[in-house]
Amino acid sequence: MANHSEKSIELLAFGRALRKIRKEKKFTQDELSIYSRVDRSYISELENGEKAPSLLTITALARALRVKPSVLIEGFERELGDK
């Protein structure tokens, strides 16, 4: 498992954005996994900046969270801009 110094700033920013939106929507990782059909462990890896999501994954997560995919990208951009 990579430590923070080995993880990309972009992946960490996307992970923070995903976690923030998931918590705002009051979803657990398990619930998001069920509704998005994305494995819970993969959601954890995304949130921890360990994996890069595909466009299909972003779309599935957004649909489950009842937001547009652009909301996830905008959250990512905000997180990236904060660093």
C-alpha atoms as a PDB file:
ATOM      1  CA  MET A   1       0.000   0.000   0.000  1.00  0.00           C
ATOM      2  CA  ALA A   2       1.356   3.420  -0.952  1.00  0.00           C
ATOM      3  CA  ASN A   3       1.871   6.129   1.618  1.00  0.00           C
ATOM      4  CA  HIS A   4       0.732   9.727   1.105  1.00  0.00           C
ATOM      5  CA  SER A   5       4.051  10.813  -0.360  1.00  0.00           C
ATOM      6  CA  GLU A   6       3.693   8.169  -3.080  1.00  0.00           C
ATOM      7  CA  LYS A   7       0.059   8.961  -3.872  1.00  0.00           C
ATOM      8  CA  SER A   8      -0.788  11.475  -6.523  1.00  0.00           C
ATOM      9  CA  ILE A   9      -2.120  14.815  -5.344  1.00  0.00           C
ATOM     10  CA  GLU A  10      -4.929  14.441  -7.884  1.00  0.00           C
ATOM     11  CA  LEU A  11      -6.010  11.029  -6.591  1.00  0.00           C
ATOM     12  CA  LEU A  12      -6.017  12.297  -3.013  1.00  0.00           C
ATOM     13  CA  ALA A  13      -8.087  15.326  -4.065  1.00  0.00           C
ATOM     14  CA  PHE A  14     -10.660  13.148  -5.851  1.00  0.00           C
ATOM     15  CA  GLY A  15     -10.835  10.873  -2.819  1.00  0.00           C
ATOM     16  CA  ARG A  16     -11.485  13.781  -0.465  1.00  0.00           C
ATOM     17  CA  ALA A  17     -14.183  15.118  -2.793  1.00  0.00           C
ATOM     18  CA  LEU A  18     -15.895  11.735  -3.053  1.00  0.00           C
ATOM     19  CA  ARG A  19     -15.808  11.208   0.729  1.00  0.00           C
ATOM     20  CA  LYS A  20     -17.193  14.705   1.375  1.00  0.00           C
ATOM     21  CA  ILE A  21     -20.111  14.271  -1.031  1.00  0.00           C
ATOM     22  CA  ARG A  22     -20.814  10.739   0.239  1.00  0.00           C
ATOM     23  CA  LYS A  23     -20.972  11.987   3.823  1.00  0.00           C
ATOM     24  CA  GLU A  24     -23.095  15.016   2.854  1.00  0.00           C
ATOM     25  CA  LYS A  25     -25.564  12.572   1.301  1.00  0.00           C
ATOM     26  CA  LYS A  26     -25.364  10.469   4.505  1.00  0.00           C
ATOM     27  CA  PHE A  27     -24.203   7.332   2.699  1.00  0.00           C
ATOM     28  CA  THR A  28     -21.892   4.768   4.213  1.00  0.00           C
ATOM     29  CA  GLN A  29     -19.359   3.156   1.909  1.00  0.00           C
ATOM     30  CA  ASP A  30     -21.457  -0.011   2.068  1.00  0.00           C
ATOM     31  CA  GLU A  31     -24.604   1.841   0.980  1.00  0.00           C
ATOM     32  CA  LEU A  32     -22.789   3.615  -1.832  1.00  0.00           C
ATOM     33  CA  SER A  33     -21.415   0.272  -2.939  1.00  0.00           C
ATOM     34  CA  ILE A  34     -24.877  -1.272  -3.081  1.00  0.00           C
ATOM     35  CA  TYR A  35     -26.465   1.616  -5.002  1.00  0.00           C
ATOM     36  CA  SER A  36     -23.549   2.203  -7.378  1.00  0.00           C
ATOM     37  CA  ARG A  37     -22.599  -1.461  -7.862  1.00  0.00           C
ATOM     38  CA  VAL A  38     -18.987  -0.445  -7.198  1.00  0.00           C
ATOM     39  CA  ASP A  39     -17.171  -2.718  -4.755  1.00  0.00           C
ATOM     40  CA  ARG A  40     -16.899  -1.236  -1.258  1.00  0.00           C
ATOM     41  CA  SER A  41     -13.179  -1.914  -1.057  1.00  0.00           C
ATOM     42  CA  TYR A  42     -12.707  -0.040  -4.345  1.00  0.00           C
ATOM     43  CA  ILE A  43     -14.663   2.934  -2.959  1.00  0.00           C
ATOM     44  CA  SER A  44     -12.318   2.889   0.027  1.00  0.00           C
ATOM     45  CA  GLU A  45      -9.303   2.822  -2.279  1.00  0.00           C
ATOM     46  CA  LEU A  46     -10.727   5.764  -4.245  1.00  0.00           C
ATOM     47  CA  GLU A  47     -11.348   7.764  -1.080  1.00  0.00           C
ATOM     48  CA  ASN A  48      -7.812   7.031   0.130  1.00  0.00           C
ATOM     49  CA  GLY A  49      -6.235   8.119  -3.143  1.00  0.00           C
ATOM     50  CA  GLU A  50      -5.022   4.639  -3.997  1.00  0.00           C
ATOM     51  CA  LYS A  51      -6.932   4.167  -7.260  1.00  0.00           C
ATOM     52  CA  ALA A  52      -7.976   6.326 -10.205  1.00  0.00           C
ATOM     53  CA  PRO A  53     -11.649   6.085 -11.175  1.00  0.00           C
ATOM     54  CA  SER A  54     -12.756   5.496 -14.738  1.00  0.00           C
ATOM     55  CA  LEU A  55     -15.431   7.621 -16.361  1.00  0.00           C
ATOM     56  CA  LEU A  56     -17.880   4.729 -15.915  1.00  0.00           C
ATOM     57  CA  THR A  57     -17.077   4.544 -12.189  1.00  0.00           C
ATOM     58  CA  ILE A  58     -17.513   8.294 -11.735  1.00  0.00           C
ATOM     59  CA  THR A  59     -20.866   8.058 -13.522  1.00  0.00           C
ATOM     60  CA  ALA A  60     -22.033   5.107 -11.393  1.00  0.00           C
ATOM     61  CA  LEU A  61     -21.012   6.835  -8.153  1.00  0.00           C
ATOM     62  CA  ALA A  62     -22.680  10.094  -9.196  1.00  0.00           C
ATOM     63  CA  ARG A  63     -25.897   8.306 -10.138  1.00  0.00           C
ATOM     64  CA  ALA A  64     -25.979   6.521  -6.776  1.00  0.00           C
ATOM     65  CA  LEU A  65     -25.320   9.801  -4.937  1.00  0.00           C
ATOM     66  CA  ARG A  66     -28.031  11.507  -7.037  1.00  0.00           C
ATOM     67  CA  VAL A  67     -25.695  14.166  -8.372  1.00  0.00           C
ATOM     68  CA  LYS A  68     -24.350  14.961 -11.817  1.00  0.00           C
ATOM     69  CA  PRO A  69     -20.882  13.576 -12.555  1.00  0.00           C
ATOM     70  CA  SER A  70     -19.757  17.197 -12.852  1.00  0.00           C
ATOM     71  CA  VAL A  71     -20.453  17.642  -9.119  1.00  0.00           C
ATOM     72  CA  LEU A  72     -17.770  15.048  -8.349  1.00  0.00           C
ATOM     73  CA  ILE A  73     -15.365  16.746 -10.757  1.00  0.00           C
ATOM     74  CA  GLU A  74     -16.113  20.194  -9.325  1.00  0.00           C
ATOM     75  CA  GLY A  75     -15.479  18.817  -5.824  1.00  0.00           C
ATOM     76  CA  PHE A  76     -12.197  17.377  -7.078  1.00  0.00           C
ATOM     77  CA  GLU A  77     -11.231  20.752  -8.555  1.00  0.00           C
ATOM     78  CA  ARG A  78     -12.042  22.520  -5.255  1.00  0.00           C
ATOM     79  CA  GLU A  79      -9.966  20.000  -3.290  1.00  0.00           C
ATOM     80  CA  LEU A  80      -7.109  20.311  -5.744  1.00  0.00           C
ATOM     81  CA  GLY A  81      -7.252  24.099  -5.553  1.00  0.00           C
ATOM     82  CA  ASP A  82      -7.029  23.983  -1.752  1.00  0.00           C
ATOM     83  CA  LYS A  83      -3.532  22.484  -1.911  1.00  0.00           C
END
